[in-house]
Amino acid sequence: MGSGGFTDKMHVKKNKYVEEWNGRREITEMAFEVNPGTLPAILFFAGVVPFGIYSLTRRELIIKGDPRYKRSGLA
């Protein structure tokens, strides 16, 4: 029962699109490259977007007088 894998009795067929996606995921780190053209987008999505979400959330907590902000010791 616990022999693992799929047996012929299950009639499982591989989906070629799923297998292709899985293969692409496995080689992502080899295909990923940083060059002067991609660096601004990486910095934007890794730095500016998270900081913007943080700033908007913090501002909303301050304006609404949320107890979580008051308990944090920053108020």
C-alpha atoms as a PDB file:
ATOM      1  CA  MET A   1       0.000   0.000   0.000  1.00  0.00           C
ATOM      2  CA  GLY A   2       2.762   2.445   0.850  1.00  0.00           C
ATOM      3  CA  SER A   3       5.060   1.479  -2.015  1.00  0.00           C
ATOM      4  CA  GLY A   4       5.084   5.065  -3.313  1.00  0.00           C
ATOM      5  CA  GLY A   5       4.779   6.424  -6.808  1.00  0.00           C
ATOM      6  CA  PHE A   6       1.903   5.908  -9.203  1.00  0.00           C
ATOM      7  CA  THR A   7       0.950   2.451 -10.335  1.00  0.00           C
ATOM      8  CA  ASP A   8      -0.640   1.511 -13.647  1.00  0.00           C
ATOM      9  CA  LYS A   9      -3.868   0.765 -11.806  1.00  0.00           C
ATOM     10  CA  MET A  10      -4.408   4.483 -11.119  1.00  0.00           C
ATOM     11  CA  HIS A  11      -4.557   5.427 -14.827  1.00  0.00           C
ATOM     12  CA  VAL A  12      -2.719   8.687 -14.199  1.00  0.00           C
ATOM     13  CA  LYS A  13      -1.538  10.603 -17.261  1.00  0.00           C
ATOM     14  CA  LYS A  14       1.065  13.317 -17.136  1.00  0.00           C
ATOM     15  CA  ASN A  15      -0.057  16.719 -18.286  1.00  0.00           C
ATOM     16  CA  LYS A  16       2.563  18.075 -20.694  1.00  0.00           C
ATOM     17  CA  TYR A  17       1.881  21.689 -19.657  1.00  0.00           C
ATOM     18  CA  VAL A  18       2.373  20.921 -15.980  1.00  0.00           C
ATOM     19  CA  GLU A  19       5.561  19.023 -16.737  1.00  0.00           C
ATOM     20  CA  GLU A  20       6.862  21.923 -18.845  1.00  0.00           C
ATOM     21  CA  TRP A  21       6.091  24.420 -16.056  1.00  0.00           C
ATOM     22  CA  ASN A  22       7.853  22.177 -13.542  1.00  0.00           C
ATOM     23  CA  GLY A  23      10.911  22.003 -15.777  1.00  0.00           C
ATOM     24  CA  ARG A  24      10.999  25.789 -16.126  1.00  0.00           C
ATOM     25  CA  ARG A  25      10.775  26.191 -12.363  1.00  0.00           C
ATOM     26  CA  GLU A  26      13.759  23.897 -11.874  1.00  0.00           C
ATOM     27  CA  ILE A  27      16.020  25.948 -14.165  1.00  0.00           C
ATOM     28  CA  THR A  28      14.892  29.407 -13.039  1.00  0.00           C
ATOM     29  CA  GLU A  29      18.042  30.099 -11.058  1.00  0.00           C
ATOM     30  CA  MET A  30      20.174  29.245 -14.089  1.00  0.00           C
ATOM     31  CA  ALA A  31      18.110  31.407 -16.467  1.00  0.00           C
ATOM     32  CA  PHE A  32      17.803  34.395 -14.106  1.00  0.00           C
ATOM     33  CA  GLU A  33      20.202  37.210 -14.854  1.00  0.00           C
ATOM     34  CA  VAL A  34      20.742  40.707 -13.572  1.00  0.00           C
ATOM     35  CA  ASN A  35      21.968  43.288 -16.014  1.00  0.00           C
ATOM     36  CA  PRO A  36      21.650  47.074 -16.259  1.00  0.00           C
ATOM     37  CA  GLY A  37      18.298  46.658 -18.021  1.00  0.00           C
ATOM     38  CA  THR A  38      16.663  44.473 -15.363  1.00  0.00           C
ATOM     39  CA  LEU A  39      18.224  46.059 -12.260  1.00  0.00           C
ATOM     40  CA  PRO A  40      15.751  48.983 -11.968  1.00  0.00           C
ATOM     41  CA  ALA A  41      12.749  46.642 -12.067  1.00  0.00           C
ATOM     42  CA  ILE A  42      14.299  44.340  -9.452  1.00  0.00           C
ATOM     43  CA  LEU A  43      15.050  47.251  -7.124  1.00  0.00           C
ATOM     44  CA  PHE A  44      11.573  48.690  -7.637  1.00  0.00           C
ATOM     45  CA  PHE A  45       9.716  45.470  -6.826  1.00  0.00           C
ATOM     46  CA  ALA A  46      12.102  44.422  -4.034  1.00  0.00           C
ATOM     47  CA  GLY A  47      12.362  47.807  -2.317  1.00  0.00           C
ATOM     48  CA  VAL A  48       9.940  50.505  -3.390  1.00  0.00           C
ATOM     49  CA  VAL A  49       6.760  48.405  -3.510  1.00  0.00           C
ATOM     50  CA  PRO A  50       7.195  46.801  -0.032  1.00  0.00           C
ATOM     51  CA  PHE A  51       8.110  50.170   1.504  1.00  0.00           C
ATOM     52  CA  GLY A  52       5.060  51.762  -0.130  1.00  0.00           C
ATOM     53  CA  ILE A  53       2.759  49.096   1.282  1.00  0.00           C
ATOM     54  CA  TYR A  54       4.348  49.550   4.717  1.00  0.00           C
ATOM     55  CA  SER A  55       3.953  53.337   4.572  1.00  0.00           C
ATOM     56  CA  LEU A  56       0.309  53.202   3.516  1.00  0.00           C
ATOM     57  CA  THR A  57      -0.536  50.639   6.185  1.00  0.00           C
ATOM     58  CA  ARG A  58       1.244  52.601   8.907  1.00  0.00           C
ATOM     59  CA  ARG A  59      -0.463  55.828   7.885  1.00  0.00           C
ATOM     60  CA  GLU A  60      -3.867  54.137   8.018  1.00  0.00           C
ATOM     61  CA  LEU A  61      -3.170  52.747  11.497  1.00  0.00           C
ATOM     62  CA  ILE A  62      -2.146  56.218  12.716  1.00  0.00           C
ATOM     63  CA  ILE A  63      -5.186  57.970  11.201  1.00  0.00           C
ATOM     64  CA  LYS A  64      -7.699  55.406  12.499  1.00  0.00           C
ATOM     65  CA  GLY A  65      -6.144  55.358  15.970  1.00  0.00           C
ATOM     66  CA  ASP A  66      -5.849  51.602  15.873  1.00  0.00           C
ATOM     67  CA  PRO A  67      -5.037  49.990  19.243  1.00  0.00           C
ATOM     68  CA  ARG A  68      -2.239  47.961  17.639  1.00  0.00           C
ATOM     69  CA  TYR A  69      -0.418  51.169  16.817  1.00  0.00           C
ATOM     70  CA  LYS A  70      -1.024  52.642  20.264  1.00  0.00           C
ATOM     71  CA  ARG A  71       0.300  49.484  22.003  1.00  0.00           C
ATOM     72  CA  SER A  72       3.456  49.495  19.886  1.00  0.00           C
ATOM     73  CA  GLY A  73       4.947  52.381  21.840  1.00  0.00           C
ATOM     74  CA  LEU A  74       5.341  54.550  18.746  1.00  0.00           C
ATOM     75  CA  ALA A  75       2.263  56.685  19.408  1.00  0.00           C
END
